[in-house]
Amino acid sequence: MIDVHSHILPKIDDGSKSVEMSIEMMKQSYAQGIDTMIATPHFYISHIDVEHFVKRRQNAYDTLVEAIDGMTDMPKLNLGAEVLFFNGISVFDDLEKLTVNNNGEYLLLEMPFSKWNDKILREVESLMYDRKLKVIIAHIERFIDFQKGTNYINELLSLGPLVQMNGEYINGFFTKSKALSMIKDGKVHLLGSDCHNLDKRCPNLGKAFNIIEKKLGQDFVDKINKIGYDIIYSGLSV
């Protein structure tokens, strides 16, 4: 199984604080059945330029890969970024460098934590249809409350992006039903742990996939993972 959203790289954002923590997070993920992870550290255009971000990300990745060399029962690591939306993103030159494995295709996009507007949706639309990027909307569930009283969630989904949900939303007692309904209705295509540490935001997809299998059936689990693996081995149709 695949985790498409994680903050597993050490000391690059608000995720893992050390190589040791990263290793333990990877071990926990593997024990839950996760054999592939995409490391998606936060990218904020207001904090760092793409060149320095890519360099820092590669250094963190190299450090972690060296530390786990020879270890068995560990997930395979892939590189991406969680890119926070910013004005002008649709015409930003270096965006392709932030795509999964630098493949120029799949971009994990974090929408604004505020009321959206038509301009924001038009930029996302331009990313998809002018830039030809395959946009993945990160943790869609976090934006539902922000957009209450508007139709922007539905308008965003109608554009046809891939949509990622966090495991905690499926695992939550009060949110499980809504999460399963969205997955069943085809509004969610991918899962991510969004793991940052070993306590409150720890690896959690094993439980989430088990819930989906029990409540919706193995076919839903297989479909979610197929889309995730297709992203890693891009060039396949999603």
Protein backbone atom coordinates (compact mmCIF):
# COMPACT_ATOMS: atom_id res chain seq x y z
CA MET A 1 0.00 0.00 0.00
CA ILE A 2 1.08 3.56 -0.62
CA ASP A 3 1.19 6.74 1.46
CA VAL A 4 1.19 9.73 -0.91
CA HIS A 5 1.49 12.48 1.72
CA SER A 6 4.05 12.42 4.52
CA HIS A 7 6.48 14.67 6.34
CA ILE A 8 8.99 11.91 6.82
CA LEU A 9 12.20 13.72 5.87
CA PRO A 10 14.22 14.88 8.87
CA LYS A 11 14.59 18.52 9.85
CA ILE A 12 13.22 20.15 6.71
CA ASP A 13 9.79 21.36 7.90
CA ASP A 14 7.46 20.84 10.88
CA GLY A 15 7.64 17.08 10.38
CA SER A 16 10.30 14.65 11.60
CA LYS A 17 12.76 16.25 13.99
CA SER A 18 15.59 13.76 13.48
CA VAL A 19 16.86 10.89 11.37
CA GLU A 20 15.99 8.55 14.23
CA MET A 21 12.39 9.78 14.25
CA SER A 22 12.16 9.36 10.48
CA ILE A 23 13.40 5.78 10.72
CA GLU A 24 10.86 4.91 13.40
CA MET A 25 8.06 6.53 11.37
CA MET A 26 9.09 4.45 8.38
CA LYS A 27 9.18 1.29 10.48
CA GLN A 28 5.69 1.99 11.84
CA SER A 29 4.41 2.65 8.34
CA TYR A 30 5.85 -0.61 7.02
CA ALA A 31 4.37 -2.54 9.95
CA GLN A 32 0.98 -1.17 8.90
CA GLY A 33 1.39 -2.50 5.37
CA ILE A 34 2.82 0.61 3.68
CA ASP A 35 5.55 -0.36 1.23
CA THR A 36 5.84 2.97 -0.61
CA MET A 37 5.85 6.56 0.67
CA ILE A 38 6.07 9.95 -0.98
CA ALA A 39 7.95 12.46 1.15
CA THR A 40 6.11 15.76 0.73
CA PRO A 41 7.71 18.52 2.81
CA HIS A 42 5.92 21.86 2.91
CA PHE A 43 6.80 24.38 0.23
CA TYR A 44 5.87 27.99 1.04
CA ILE A 45 6.80 30.49 -1.65
CA SER A 46 7.04 33.21 1.02
CA HIS A 47 9.72 31.26 2.92
CA ILE A 48 12.10 29.79 0.36
CA ASP A 49 12.80 29.70 -3.37
CA VAL A 50 12.52 26.49 -5.35
CA GLU A 51 16.26 26.07 -5.91
CA HIS A 52 17.08 26.15 -2.20
CA PHE A 53 14.06 24.01 -1.32
CA VAL A 54 15.05 21.29 -3.78
CA LYS A 55 18.62 21.33 -2.47
CA ARG A 56 17.51 21.07 1.17
CA ARG A 57 15.04 18.31 0.31
CA GLN A 58 17.70 16.31 -1.52
CA ASN A 59 20.13 16.67 1.38
CA ALA A 60 17.49 15.46 3.85
CA TYR A 61 16.61 12.57 1.55
CA ASP A 62 20.26 11.56 1.06
CA THR A 63 20.88 11.66 4.81
CA LEU A 64 17.88 9.43 5.50
CA VAL A 65 18.64 6.99 2.69
CA GLU A 66 22.21 6.62 3.93
CA ALA A 67 20.95 5.95 7.46
CA ILE A 68 18.57 3.19 6.37
CA ASP A 69 21.03 1.55 3.98
CA GLY A 70 21.01 -2.18 4.64
CA MET A 71 17.80 -2.09 6.69
CA THR A 72 15.03 -4.44 5.64
CA ASP A 73 11.28 -4.07 6.00
CA MET A 74 11.28 -0.37 5.12
CA PRO A 75 9.05 1.48 2.64
CA LYS A 76 10.50 2.79 -0.60
CA LEU A 77 10.90 6.57 -0.52
CA ASN A 78 9.88 8.95 -3.28
CA LEU A 79 10.19 12.73 -3.40
CA GLY A 80 7.49 15.34 -3.76
CA ALA A 81 6.30 18.50 -2.04
CA GLU A 82 3.16 19.87 -0.44
CA VAL A 83 2.85 23.19 -2.25
CA LEU A 84 0.73 25.84 -0.58
CA PHE A 85 -1.38 27.76 -3.10
CA PHE A 86 -0.19 31.30 -3.82
CA ASN A 87 -1.35 34.03 -6.17
CA GLY A 88 0.29 33.54 -9.54
CA ILE A 89 1.00 29.85 -9.01
CA SER A 90 -0.44 29.00 -12.42
CA VAL A 91 2.32 30.97 -14.19
CA PHE A 92 5.17 30.19 -11.77
CA ASP A 93 8.12 28.94 -13.83
CA ASP A 94 9.71 26.36 -11.52
CA LEU A 95 6.58 24.50 -10.43
CA GLU A 96 7.46 21.32 -12.31
CA LYS A 97 10.50 20.88 -10.04
CA LEU A 98 8.09 20.33 -7.14
CA THR A 99 6.16 17.51 -8.81
CA VAL A 100 6.40 13.92 -7.60
CA ASN A 101 9.86 12.56 -8.41
CA ASN A 102 10.41 15.69 -10.52
CA ASN A 103 8.35 14.02 -13.26
CA GLY A 104 6.70 17.25 -14.35
CA GLU A 105 3.25 15.74 -13.89
CA TYR A 106 1.78 15.24 -10.41
CA LEU A 107 1.65 18.19 -8.01
CA LEU A 108 0.36 17.93 -4.43
CA LEU A 109 -1.44 21.23 -3.85
CA GLU A 110 -2.52 22.58 -0.47
CA MET A 111 -5.44 24.97 -0.90
CA PRO A 112 -5.77 28.16 1.20
CA PHE A 113 -7.17 27.87 4.73
CA SER A 114 -9.60 30.72 4.10
CA LYS A 115 -12.68 31.41 2.03
CA TRP A 116 -11.91 30.68 -1.59
CA ASN A 117 -12.97 32.80 -4.54
CA ASP A 118 -13.38 32.45 -8.29
CA LYS A 119 -9.83 33.65 -8.94
CA ILE A 120 -8.37 30.82 -6.85
CA LEU A 121 -10.37 28.20 -8.73
CA ARG A 122 -9.40 29.71 -12.08
CA GLU A 123 -5.73 29.38 -11.11
CA VAL A 124 -6.21 25.70 -10.24
CA GLU A 125 -8.02 25.24 -13.53
CA SER A 126 -5.13 26.88 -15.36
CA LEU A 127 -2.63 24.60 -13.62
CA MET A 128 -4.53 21.62 -14.94
CA TYR A 129 -5.54 22.71 -18.41
CA ASP A 130 -2.91 25.27 -19.43
CA ARG A 131 0.12 23.91 -17.57
CA LYS A 132 -1.10 20.32 -18.06
CA LEU A 133 -0.22 19.41 -14.47
CA LYS A 134 -2.07 16.59 -12.74
CA VAL A 135 -3.09 18.33 -9.54
CA ILE A 136 -3.61 16.37 -6.32
CA ILE A 137 -5.62 18.31 -3.74
CA ALA A 138 -4.09 17.65 -0.32
CA HIS A 139 -6.35 16.66 2.62
CA ILE A 140 -9.62 17.85 1.08
CA GLU A 141 -11.46 17.30 4.36
CA ARG A 142 -9.67 20.18 6.04
CA PHE A 143 -11.30 22.72 3.75
CA ILE A 144 -14.93 21.67 4.11
CA ASP A 145 -15.64 23.91 7.11
CA PHE A 146 -13.82 26.86 5.56
CA GLN A 147 -16.06 26.70 2.49
CA LYS A 148 -19.41 26.24 4.24
CA GLY A 149 -22.11 28.33 2.61
CA THR A 150 -20.35 28.24 -0.75
CA ASN A 151 -20.22 25.80 -3.66
CA TYR A 152 -16.45 26.02 -4.03
CA ILE A 153 -15.68 22.46 -2.92
CA ASN A 154 -17.99 21.07 -5.59
CA GLU A 155 -16.64 23.52 -8.16
CA LEU A 156 -13.10 22.43 -7.36
CA LEU A 157 -13.99 18.74 -7.66
CA SER A 158 -15.77 19.40 -10.96
CA LEU A 159 -12.44 20.50 -12.45
CA GLY A 160 -11.30 16.89 -12.14
CA PRO A 161 -8.23 16.96 -9.89
CA LEU A 162 -7.10 13.94 -7.95
CA VAL A 163 -8.17 14.27 -4.33
CA GLN A 164 -6.25 13.06 -1.27
CA MET A 165 -7.73 12.41 2.16
CA ASN A 166 -5.82 11.99 5.44
CA GLY A 167 -6.04 8.73 7.34
CA GLU A 168 -7.13 10.49 10.53
CA TYR A 169 -10.40 11.57 8.89
CA ILE A 170 -11.25 7.95 8.11
CA ASN A 171 -10.14 6.77 11.55
CA GLY A 172 -12.04 9.45 13.46
CA PHE A 173 -15.21 8.37 15.28
CA PHE A 174 -17.18 11.45 14.23
CA THR A 175 -15.77 11.75 10.70
CA LYS A 176 -15.57 8.12 9.56
CA SER A 177 -19.04 8.05 8.02
CA LYS A 178 -18.46 11.23 5.98
CA ALA A 179 -15.05 9.98 4.87
CA LEU A 180 -16.39 6.64 3.67
CA SER A 181 -19.25 8.36 1.86
CA MET A 182 -16.82 10.59 -0.04
CA ILE A 183 -14.66 7.60 -0.98
CA LYS A 184 -17.68 5.56 -2.07
CA ASP A 185 -18.93 8.46 -4.20
CA GLY A 186 -15.59 8.70 -6.00
CA LYS A 187 -14.70 12.09 -4.54
CA VAL A 188 -11.47 10.79 -2.98
CA HIS A 189 -8.79 8.97 -4.96
CA LEU A 190 -5.73 8.80 -2.69
CA LEU A 191 -4.82 8.45 0.97
CA GLY A 192 -2.01 10.02 2.94
CA SER A 193 -1.01 9.72 6.56
CA ASP A 194 0.27 13.32 6.62
CA CYS A 195 2.48 11.95 9.39
CA HIS A 196 4.70 14.50 11.10
CA ASN A 197 5.91 12.67 14.22
CA LEU A 198 5.39 9.67 16.49
CA ASP A 199 2.58 10.91 18.71
CA LYS A 200 -0.35 13.09 17.67
CA ARG A 201 0.45 12.97 13.95
CA CYS A 202 1.90 9.50 13.57
CA PRO A 203 1.60 6.98 10.72
CA ASN A 204 -2.04 5.87 10.56
CA LEU A 205 -2.90 4.41 7.18
CA GLY A 206 -2.98 0.78 8.27
CA LYS A 207 -6.14 1.40 10.29
CA ALA A 208 -7.63 3.61 7.57
CA PHE A 209 -7.20 1.00 4.85
CA ASN A 210 -8.62 -1.68 7.16
CA ILE A 211 -11.74 0.43 7.72
CA ILE A 212 -12.18 0.95 3.99
CA GLU A 213 -11.76 -2.78 3.32
CA LYS A 214 -14.26 -3.69 6.03
CA LYS A 215 -16.90 -1.09 5.17
CA LEU A 216 -16.54 -0.70 1.39
CA GLY A 217 -14.63 -3.76 0.22
CA GLN A 218 -11.17 -4.65 -1.03
CA ASP A 219 -11.87 -3.21 -4.48
CA PHE A 220 -11.83 0.32 -3.05
CA VAL A 221 -8.50 -0.34 -1.33
CA ASP A 222 -7.05 -1.72 -4.55
CA LYS A 223 -8.27 1.21 -6.63
CA ILE A 224 -6.78 3.79 -4.25
CA ASN A 225 -3.44 2.04 -4.27
CA LYS A 226 -3.42 1.54 -8.04
CA ILE A 227 -3.80 5.29 -8.56
CA GLY A 228 -1.00 5.92 -6.08
CA TYR A 229 1.38 3.49 -7.74
CA ASP A 230 0.51 4.92 -11.15
CA ILE A 231 1.69 8.31 -9.88
CA ILE A 232 5.04 6.82 -8.87
CA TYR A 233 5.41 5.05 -12.18
CA SER A 234 4.01 7.98 -14.12
CA GLY A 235 3.23 7.62 -17.75
CA LEU A 236 0.46 5.22 -16.87
CA SER A 237 -3.09 6.53 -17.16
CA VAL A 238 -4.81 7.52 -13.92
